[in-house]
N, C-alpha and C. Protein backbone atom coordinates (compact mmCIF):
# COMPACT_ATOMS: atom_id res chain seq x y z
N MET A 1 91.78 90.49 76.59
CA MET A 1 91.24 90.43 78.10
C MET A 1 92.09 89.36 78.80
N THR A 2 92.52 88.39 78.14
CA THR A 2 93.15 87.30 78.52
C THR A 2 94.68 88.04 79.06
N LEU A 3 95.24 88.89 78.05
CA LEU A 3 96.56 89.47 78.39
C LEU A 3 96.45 90.42 79.80
N GLY A 4 95.27 90.68 79.98
CA GLY A 4 95.07 91.75 81.23
C GLY A 4 94.98 90.85 82.46
N ILE A 5 94.51 89.51 82.30
CA ILE A 5 94.03 88.99 83.42
C ILE A 5 95.41 88.23 83.97
N VAL A 6 96.21 87.96 82.72
CA VAL A 6 97.53 87.35 83.05
C VAL A 6 98.64 87.99 83.55
N SER A 7 98.69 89.48 82.94
CA SER A 7 99.45 90.49 83.37
C SER A 7 99.29 90.96 84.79
N GLY A 8 97.81 91.02 85.17
CA GLY A 8 97.41 91.49 86.53
C GLY A 8 97.87 90.31 87.44
N LEU A 9 97.93 89.02 87.05
CA LEU A 9 98.31 88.00 88.04
C LEU A 9 99.80 88.02 88.23
N ALA A 10 100.38 88.14 87.14
CA ALA A 10 101.80 88.12 87.20
C ALA A 10 102.36 89.34 87.80
N GLY A 11 101.87 90.55 87.86
CA GLY A 11 102.27 91.56 88.51
C GLY A 11 101.84 91.44 90.35
N SER A 12 100.74 90.79 90.35
CA SER A 12 100.50 90.48 91.99
C SER A 12 101.50 89.28 92.74
N LEU A 13 101.76 88.31 91.60
CA LEU A 13 102.72 87.47 92.15
C LEU A 13 104.07 88.04 92.61
N VAL A 14 104.65 88.95 91.52
CA VAL A 14 105.91 89.38 91.60
C VAL A 14 105.78 90.42 93.15
N LYS A 15 104.54 91.34 93.05
CA LYS A 15 104.32 92.05 94.32
C LYS A 15 104.26 91.37 95.44
N ASN A 16 103.63 90.47 95.74
CA ASN A 16 103.35 89.73 96.92
C ASN A 16 104.61 88.97 97.32
N LEU A 17 105.29 88.44 96.33
CA LEU A 17 106.93 87.85 96.60
C LEU A 17 107.71 88.68 97.50
N VAL A 18 107.83 89.96 97.10
CA VAL A 18 108.54 90.81 97.50
C VAL A 18 107.98 91.40 98.62
N ALA A 19 106.76 91.48 98.86
CA ALA A 19 106.18 91.74 100.12
C ALA A 19 106.52 90.83 101.09
N PHE A 20 106.37 89.64 100.71
CA PHE A 20 106.33 88.55 101.66
C PHE A 20 107.97 88.69 102.20
N ILE A 21 108.96 88.98 101.51
CA ILE A 21 110.20 89.05 102.13
C ILE A 21 110.57 90.28 102.74
N LEU A 22 109.76 91.20 102.66
CA LEU A 22 110.02 92.72 103.57
C LEU A 22 109.16 92.35 104.60
N GLU A 23 108.22 91.60 104.58
CA GLU A 23 107.48 91.30 105.90
C GLU A 23 108.37 90.37 107.00
N GLN A 24 108.96 89.47 106.04
CA GLN A 24 109.91 88.27 106.92
C GLN A 24 111.06 89.25 107.58
N LEU A 25 111.50 90.12 106.75
CA LEU A 25 112.46 91.16 107.28
C LEU A 25 112.32 91.99 108.45
N LYS A 26 110.90 91.94 108.49
CA LYS A 26 110.25 92.95 109.46
C LYS A 26 110.21 94.49 108.98
N LEU A 27 110.24 94.55 107.78
CA LEU A 27 110.35 96.06 107.13
C LEU A 27 108.71 96.83 106.89
N ILE A 28 107.92 95.63 106.85
CA ILE A 28 106.54 96.08 106.83
C ILE A 28 105.56 95.15 107.64
N ASP A 29 104.71 95.56 108.25
CA ASP A 29 103.89 94.99 109.41
C ASP A 29 102.77 94.03 108.70
N CYS A 30 102.36 94.11 107.41
CA CYS A 30 101.19 93.32 106.91
C CYS A 30 101.48 93.32 105.31
N VAL A 31 100.89 92.39 104.77
CA VAL A 31 101.01 92.26 103.25
C VAL A 31 99.63 92.52 102.47
N PHE A 32 99.58 92.35 101.26
CA PHE A 32 98.37 92.91 100.66
C PHE A 32 97.25 92.18 100.82
N CYS A 33 97.49 90.70 101.25
CA CYS A 33 96.20 89.76 101.44
C CYS A 33 95.66 90.12 102.66
N GLU A 34 96.31 90.63 103.40
CA GLU A 34 95.86 90.91 104.74
C GLU A 34 95.09 92.17 104.71
N MET A 35 95.50 93.13 104.07
CA MET A 35 94.74 94.58 103.84
C MET A 35 93.38 94.00 102.84
N ALA A 36 93.52 93.30 101.91
CA ALA A 36 92.40 92.92 101.08
C ALA A 36 91.15 92.34 101.94
N GLY A 37 91.89 91.25 102.67
CA GLY A 37 90.88 90.16 103.58
C GLY A 37 90.33 91.49 104.73
N GLY A 38 91.02 92.35 104.97
CA GLY A 38 90.29 93.08 105.83
C GLY A 38 89.05 93.64 105.25
N LEU A 39 88.88 93.74 104.22
CA LEU A 39 87.48 94.56 103.41
C LEU A 39 86.34 93.44 103.64
N PHE A 40 86.70 92.26 103.79
CA PHE A 40 85.61 91.21 104.09
C PHE A 40 85.48 91.06 105.61
N LEU A 41 86.49 90.68 106.28
CA LEU A 41 86.29 90.08 107.84
C LEU A 41 86.79 91.19 108.78
N GLY A 42 86.95 92.19 108.51
CA GLY A 42 87.74 93.29 109.62
C GLY A 42 89.11 92.92 109.80
N ASN A 43 89.83 92.46 110.68
CA ASN A 43 91.11 92.31 110.84
C ASN A 43 91.10 90.57 110.69
N PRO A 44 91.75 90.19 109.77
CA PRO A 44 91.57 88.88 109.38
C PRO A 44 92.40 88.14 110.42
N VAL A 45 93.18 88.89 111.03
CA VAL A 45 94.27 87.89 111.97
C VAL A 45 93.44 87.63 113.30
N TYR A 46 92.22 88.20 113.48
CA TYR A 46 91.60 87.61 114.80
C TYR A 46 90.19 87.04 114.32
N GLN A 47 90.22 86.40 113.09
CA GLN A 47 88.91 86.06 112.71
C GLN A 47 88.91 84.39 112.66
N GLY A 48 89.40 83.60 113.74
CA GLY A 48 89.35 82.25 113.89
C GLY A 48 90.53 81.46 113.12
N SER A 49 90.21 81.13 111.94
CA SER A 49 90.90 80.51 110.80
C SER A 49 91.81 81.47 110.11
N ARG A 50 93.22 81.64 110.61
CA ARG A 50 94.19 82.39 109.68
C ARG A 50 94.09 81.84 108.22
N PHE A 51 94.15 80.96 108.13
CA PHE A 51 94.26 79.97 106.59
C PHE A 51 93.23 80.50 105.68
N LEU A 52 91.88 80.43 106.33
CA LEU A 52 90.72 81.01 105.35
C LEU A 52 90.62 82.64 105.48
N ALA A 53 91.28 83.13 106.32
CA ALA A 53 91.07 84.71 106.33
C ALA A 53 92.35 85.07 105.16
N THR A 54 93.40 84.42 105.05
CA THR A 54 94.30 84.34 104.09
C THR A 54 94.10 84.36 102.83
N LEU A 55 93.31 83.18 102.63
CA LEU A 55 92.68 82.65 101.18
C LEU A 55 91.79 83.62 100.88
N ILE A 56 90.84 84.23 101.60
CA ILE A 56 90.08 85.43 101.40
C ILE A 56 90.76 86.55 100.93
N GLY A 57 91.80 86.99 101.60
CA GLY A 57 92.54 87.89 101.26
C GLY A 57 93.16 87.88 99.74
N TYR A 58 93.92 86.54 99.77
CA TYR A 58 94.45 86.60 98.45
C TYR A 58 93.62 86.62 97.06
N LEU A 59 92.31 86.06 97.48
CA LEU A 59 91.32 86.17 96.46
C LEU A 59 90.88 87.47 96.21
N ALA A 60 90.86 88.38 97.23
CA ALA A 60 90.45 89.72 97.07
C ALA A 60 91.60 90.55 96.21
N ASP A 61 92.76 90.20 96.94
CA ASP A 61 93.88 90.56 96.15
C ASP A 61 94.10 90.44 94.70
N SER A 62 93.92 89.32 94.29
CA SER A 62 94.00 88.72 93.02
C SER A 62 92.97 89.19 92.06
N THR A 63 91.73 89.50 92.51
CA THR A 63 91.01 89.81 91.99
C THR A 63 91.02 91.46 91.61
N LEU A 64 91.35 92.30 92.50
CA LEU A 64 91.68 93.52 92.19
C LEU A 64 93.12 93.60 91.35
N SER A 65 93.96 92.69 91.31
CA SER A 65 95.13 92.72 90.37
C SER A 65 94.54 92.28 88.90
N ILE A 66 93.66 91.57 88.81
CA ILE A 66 92.96 90.98 87.62
C ILE A 66 92.45 92.44 86.94
N ILE A 67 91.64 92.91 87.57
CA ILE A 67 90.76 94.10 87.25
C ILE A 67 91.85 95.40 86.65
N LEU A 68 92.80 95.42 87.43
CA LEU A 68 93.77 96.68 86.97
C LEU A 68 94.55 95.96 85.97
N GLY A 69 95.17 94.93 85.74
CA GLY A 69 95.76 94.26 84.79
C GLY A 69 94.91 94.60 83.35
N VAL A 70 93.71 93.93 83.47
CA VAL A 70 92.55 94.41 82.22
C VAL A 70 92.79 95.86 81.91
N SER A 71 92.41 96.79 82.97
CA SER A 71 92.45 98.19 82.66
C SER A 71 93.84 98.72 81.90
N PHE A 72 94.76 98.18 82.61
CA PHE A 72 96.46 98.58 81.89
C PHE A 72 96.29 98.13 80.48
N VAL A 73 95.77 97.08 80.28
CA VAL A 73 95.80 96.76 78.64
C VAL A 73 94.99 97.68 78.12
N TYR A 74 93.53 97.80 78.13
CA TYR A 74 93.14 98.80 77.51
C TYR A 74 93.65 100.10 77.51
N PHE A 75 94.16 100.53 78.86
CA PHE A 75 94.95 101.84 78.67
C PHE A 75 96.15 101.72 77.47
N ILE A 76 96.72 100.34 77.53
CA ILE A 76 98.01 100.48 76.52
C ILE A 76 97.19 100.48 75.05
N GLU A 77 96.10 99.97 74.97
CA GLU A 77 95.30 99.97 73.32
C GLU A 77 94.86 101.21 73.13
N GLY A 78 94.65 102.26 74.18
CA GLY A 78 94.17 103.58 73.90
C GLY A 78 95.49 104.32 73.64
N THR A 79 96.54 104.16 74.41
CA THR A 79 97.67 105.07 74.34
C THR A 79 98.72 104.49 73.39
N GLY A 80 98.80 103.44 73.29
CA GLY A 80 100.13 102.83 72.20
C GLY A 80 100.88 102.08 72.92
N ASN A 81 101.59 101.38 72.49
CA ASN A 81 102.33 100.26 73.14
C ASN A 81 103.97 100.60 73.23
N ARG A 82 104.24 101.87 73.07
CA ARG A 82 105.60 102.51 73.21
C ARG A 82 105.69 102.72 74.66
N PHE A 83 106.96 102.51 75.27
CA PHE A 83 107.30 102.92 76.54
C PHE A 83 106.49 102.12 77.71
N LEU A 84 106.34 100.91 77.30
CA LEU A 84 105.51 100.20 78.21
C LEU A 84 106.21 99.83 79.62
N VAL A 85 107.20 99.92 79.91
CA VAL A 85 107.56 100.08 81.17
C VAL A 85 107.50 101.21 82.01
N ILE A 86 107.79 102.32 81.41
CA ILE A 86 107.18 103.63 81.97
C ILE A 86 106.09 103.47 82.45
N LYS A 87 104.97 103.31 81.25
CA LYS A 87 103.50 103.45 81.75
C LYS A 87 103.15 102.42 82.63
N GLY A 88 103.66 101.25 82.79
CA GLY A 88 103.58 100.35 83.91
C GLY A 88 104.05 100.81 85.15
N VAL A 89 105.15 101.30 85.51
CA VAL A 89 105.43 101.82 86.47
C VAL A 89 104.55 103.21 86.94
N SER A 90 104.23 103.91 85.87
CA SER A 90 103.43 105.14 86.31
C SER A 90 102.14 104.62 86.72
N PHE A 91 101.55 103.58 86.04
CA PHE A 91 100.30 103.09 86.61
C PHE A 91 100.53 102.58 88.05
N GLY A 92 101.33 101.82 88.31
CA GLY A 92 101.52 101.44 89.61
C GLY A 92 101.47 102.70 90.54
N ALA A 93 102.11 103.41 90.33
CA ALA A 93 102.39 104.93 91.19
C ALA A 93 100.85 105.36 91.38
N VAL A 94 99.95 105.52 90.31
CA VAL A 94 98.59 105.85 90.29
C VAL A 94 97.86 105.02 91.18
N VAL A 95 97.79 103.69 90.77
CA VAL A 95 97.22 102.74 91.73
C VAL A 95 97.55 102.91 93.34
N TRP A 96 98.64 103.39 93.61
CA TRP A 96 99.28 103.37 95.16
C TRP A 96 98.49 104.99 95.43
N PHE A 97 98.52 105.68 94.37
CA PHE A 97 97.88 107.12 95.07
C PHE A 97 96.57 106.86 95.20
N LEU A 98 95.76 106.16 94.45
CA LEU A 98 94.37 106.22 94.41
C LEU A 98 93.83 104.97 95.48
N ILE A 99 94.59 103.89 95.68
CA ILE A 99 93.88 102.84 96.64
C ILE A 99 94.38 103.43 98.14
N PHE A 100 95.71 103.62 98.26
CA PHE A 100 96.19 103.98 99.69
C PHE A 100 96.18 105.53 100.03
N GLY A 101 95.91 106.53 98.76
CA GLY A 101 95.69 107.88 99.18
C GLY A 101 94.14 108.14 99.53
N GLY A 102 93.44 107.36 98.54
CA GLY A 102 91.95 107.68 98.45
C GLY A 102 91.30 106.62 98.94
N VAL A 103 91.04 105.57 98.53
CA VAL A 103 90.14 104.60 99.09
C VAL A 103 90.67 103.95 100.53
N MET A 104 91.78 103.74 100.82
CA MET A 104 92.08 103.37 102.12
C MET A 104 91.84 104.61 103.33
N SER A 105 92.00 105.67 102.90
CA SER A 105 91.79 106.80 103.74
C SER A 105 90.59 106.95 104.42
N PHE A 106 89.52 106.21 103.47
CA PHE A 106 88.05 105.84 104.24
C PHE A 106 87.99 104.93 104.95
N GLY A 107 88.84 104.25 105.56
CA GLY A 107 88.97 103.15 106.32
C GLY A 107 88.04 101.94 105.99
N VAL A 108 88.19 101.47 104.64
CA VAL A 108 87.36 100.46 104.21
C VAL A 108 88.22 99.11 104.87
N SER A 109 89.36 99.09 105.09
CA SER A 109 89.81 98.02 105.73
C SER A 109 90.66 98.35 106.72
N PRO A 110 90.33 97.69 108.07
CA PRO A 110 91.03 98.14 109.16
C PRO A 110 92.43 97.61 109.57
N VAL A 111 92.79 97.11 108.44
CA VAL A 111 94.28 96.31 108.31
C VAL A 111 95.23 97.27 107.57
N ARG A 112 96.06 97.98 107.92
CA ARG A 112 96.68 99.08 107.00
C ARG A 112 98.07 99.33 107.61
N GLU A 113 99.12 99.85 106.89
CA GLU A 113 100.22 100.40 107.61
C GLU A 113 100.23 101.69 107.89
N THR A 114 100.56 102.24 108.91
CA THR A 114 100.71 103.64 109.32
C THR A 114 102.15 104.45 109.55
N HIS A 115 103.02 103.47 109.33
CA HIS A 115 104.62 104.00 109.66
C HIS A 115 104.97 104.51 108.22
N PRO A 116 105.71 105.91 108.25
CA PRO A 116 105.96 106.52 107.00
C PRO A 116 106.75 105.57 106.09
N VAL A 117 107.77 105.04 106.68
CA VAL A 117 108.66 104.08 105.82
C VAL A 117 108.12 103.00 105.45
N HIS A 118 106.86 102.20 106.01
CA HIS A 118 106.12 101.15 105.58
C HIS A 118 105.27 101.65 104.11
N ILE A 119 104.62 102.95 104.36
CA ILE A 119 103.99 103.29 103.32
C ILE A 119 105.12 103.87 101.97
N LEU A 120 106.04 104.06 102.30
CA LEU A 120 106.99 104.22 101.19
C LEU A 120 107.26 103.00 100.44
N LEU A 121 107.47 101.80 101.41
CA LEU A 121 107.75 100.63 100.74
C LEU A 121 106.69 100.31 100.08
N LEU A 122 105.34 100.40 100.53
CA LEU A 122 104.01 100.17 99.90
C LEU A 122 104.27 100.80 98.45
N PHE A 123 104.61 102.05 98.45
CA PHE A 123 104.62 102.58 97.27
C PHE A 123 105.75 101.72 96.12
N LEU A 124 106.81 101.45 96.56
CA LEU A 124 107.88 100.76 96.09
C LEU A 124 107.14 99.43 95.40
N LEU A 125 106.36 98.86 96.28
CA LEU A 125 105.83 97.44 95.92
C LEU A 125 104.75 98.01 94.91
N HIS A 126 104.07 98.83 94.62
CA HIS A 126 103.23 99.25 93.61
C HIS A 126 104.02 99.58 92.50
N LEU A 127 105.01 100.23 92.43
CA LEU A 127 105.91 100.52 91.36
C LEU A 127 106.45 98.94 90.95
N ILE A 128 106.50 98.33 91.57
CA ILE A 128 107.11 96.94 91.22
C ILE A 128 105.84 96.03 90.36
N PHE A 129 104.86 96.16 91.10
CA PHE A 129 103.44 95.60 90.15
C PHE A 129 103.33 96.41 89.15
N GLY A 130 103.72 97.64 88.93
CA GLY A 130 103.40 98.33 87.73
C GLY A 130 104.40 97.74 86.52
N LEU A 131 105.54 97.95 86.96
CA LEU A 131 106.87 97.26 86.44
C LEU A 131 106.59 95.81 85.62
N SER A 132 106.00 95.06 86.54
CA SER A 132 105.65 93.56 86.25
C SER A 132 104.59 93.82 85.15
N LEU A 133 103.64 94.61 85.29
CA LEU A 133 102.42 94.80 84.30
C LEU A 133 103.12 95.03 83.11
N GLY A 134 104.08 95.91 82.94
CA GLY A 134 104.54 96.62 81.71
C GLY A 134 105.39 95.73 81.10
N LEU A 135 106.18 94.85 81.94
CA LEU A 135 107.22 93.93 81.23
C LEU A 135 106.25 92.68 80.72
N THR A 136 105.13 92.32 81.53
CA THR A 136 104.40 91.16 81.01
C THR A 136 103.61 91.52 79.60
N VAL A 137 102.99 92.71 79.73
CA VAL A 137 102.75 93.09 78.29
C VAL A 137 103.60 93.19 77.20
N GLU A 138 104.97 93.79 77.40
CA GLU A 138 106.09 93.83 76.67
C GLU A 138 106.21 92.47 76.07
N TRP A 139 106.52 91.49 77.07
CA TRP A 139 106.96 90.09 76.60
C TRP A 139 106.11 89.35 76.09
N TRP A 140 104.89 89.43 76.42
CA TRP A 140 103.63 88.18 76.09
C TRP A 140 102.70 88.96 75.14
N GLY A 141 102.57 90.40 75.51
CA GLY A 141 101.40 90.96 74.81
C GLY A 141 101.65 91.47 73.51
N GLN A 142 102.85 91.76 72.95
CA GLN A 142 102.74 92.40 71.57
C GLN A 142 102.14 91.76 70.34
N PRO A 143 102.04 90.61 70.32
CA PRO A 143 101.07 89.90 69.14
C PRO A 143 99.73 89.80 69.53
N THR A 144 99.23 90.05 70.57
CA THR A 144 97.79 90.14 71.33
C THR A 144 97.21 91.30 71.22
N LEU A 145 97.93 92.39 71.05
CA LEU A 145 97.50 93.52 71.30
C LEU A 145 96.66 94.02 70.12
N ASP A 146 95.48 94.73 69.94
CA ASP A 146 94.66 95.23 68.89
C ASP A 146 95.58 96.24 67.95
N ARG A 147 96.15 95.63 66.92
CA ARG A 147 96.94 96.68 66.20
C ARG A 147 96.38 97.71 65.61
N GLU A 148 95.09 97.79 65.24
CA GLU A 148 94.67 98.70 64.74
C GLU A 148 94.40 99.93 65.80
N LYS A 149 94.03 99.61 67.29
CA LYS A 149 93.96 100.77 68.10
C LYS A 149 95.21 101.21 68.47
N LEU A 150 96.46 100.64 68.04
CA LEU A 150 97.82 100.98 68.58
C LEU A 150 98.45 101.72 67.39
N LYS A 151 97.78 102.21 66.17
CA LYS A 151 98.28 103.07 65.16
C LYS A 151 98.28 104.53 65.57
């Protein structure tokens, strides 16, 4: 469980750093914490305190990343620890498809990207998230994974 929490937070950190850079370069309009904050606040930009809205968004994004990290570790324990990077990148692609193709299409957050190039960049960010998951598990998780399940 700890490996999943750490890998989810590591993936989130890398993803959010790259997203922040893309936002500063004006390549995307919003970052994940704004989308996640939209689940609770509507559009966080217009909710009075931008700091509190951003904090709530980061808490929501980090919570989802932890859930995904733990899910990824259970997935690895079930499928084996070979090809962790490929599994991580594939996991990121599935997350992008399910969250942005599925959940976001229901309008759960009013904050979202609508330009096709921005959506492709969000896909890239999810691949980076998955890559970070795979690398974290590969680097730090080998001794902690349940060996009996990996045979």
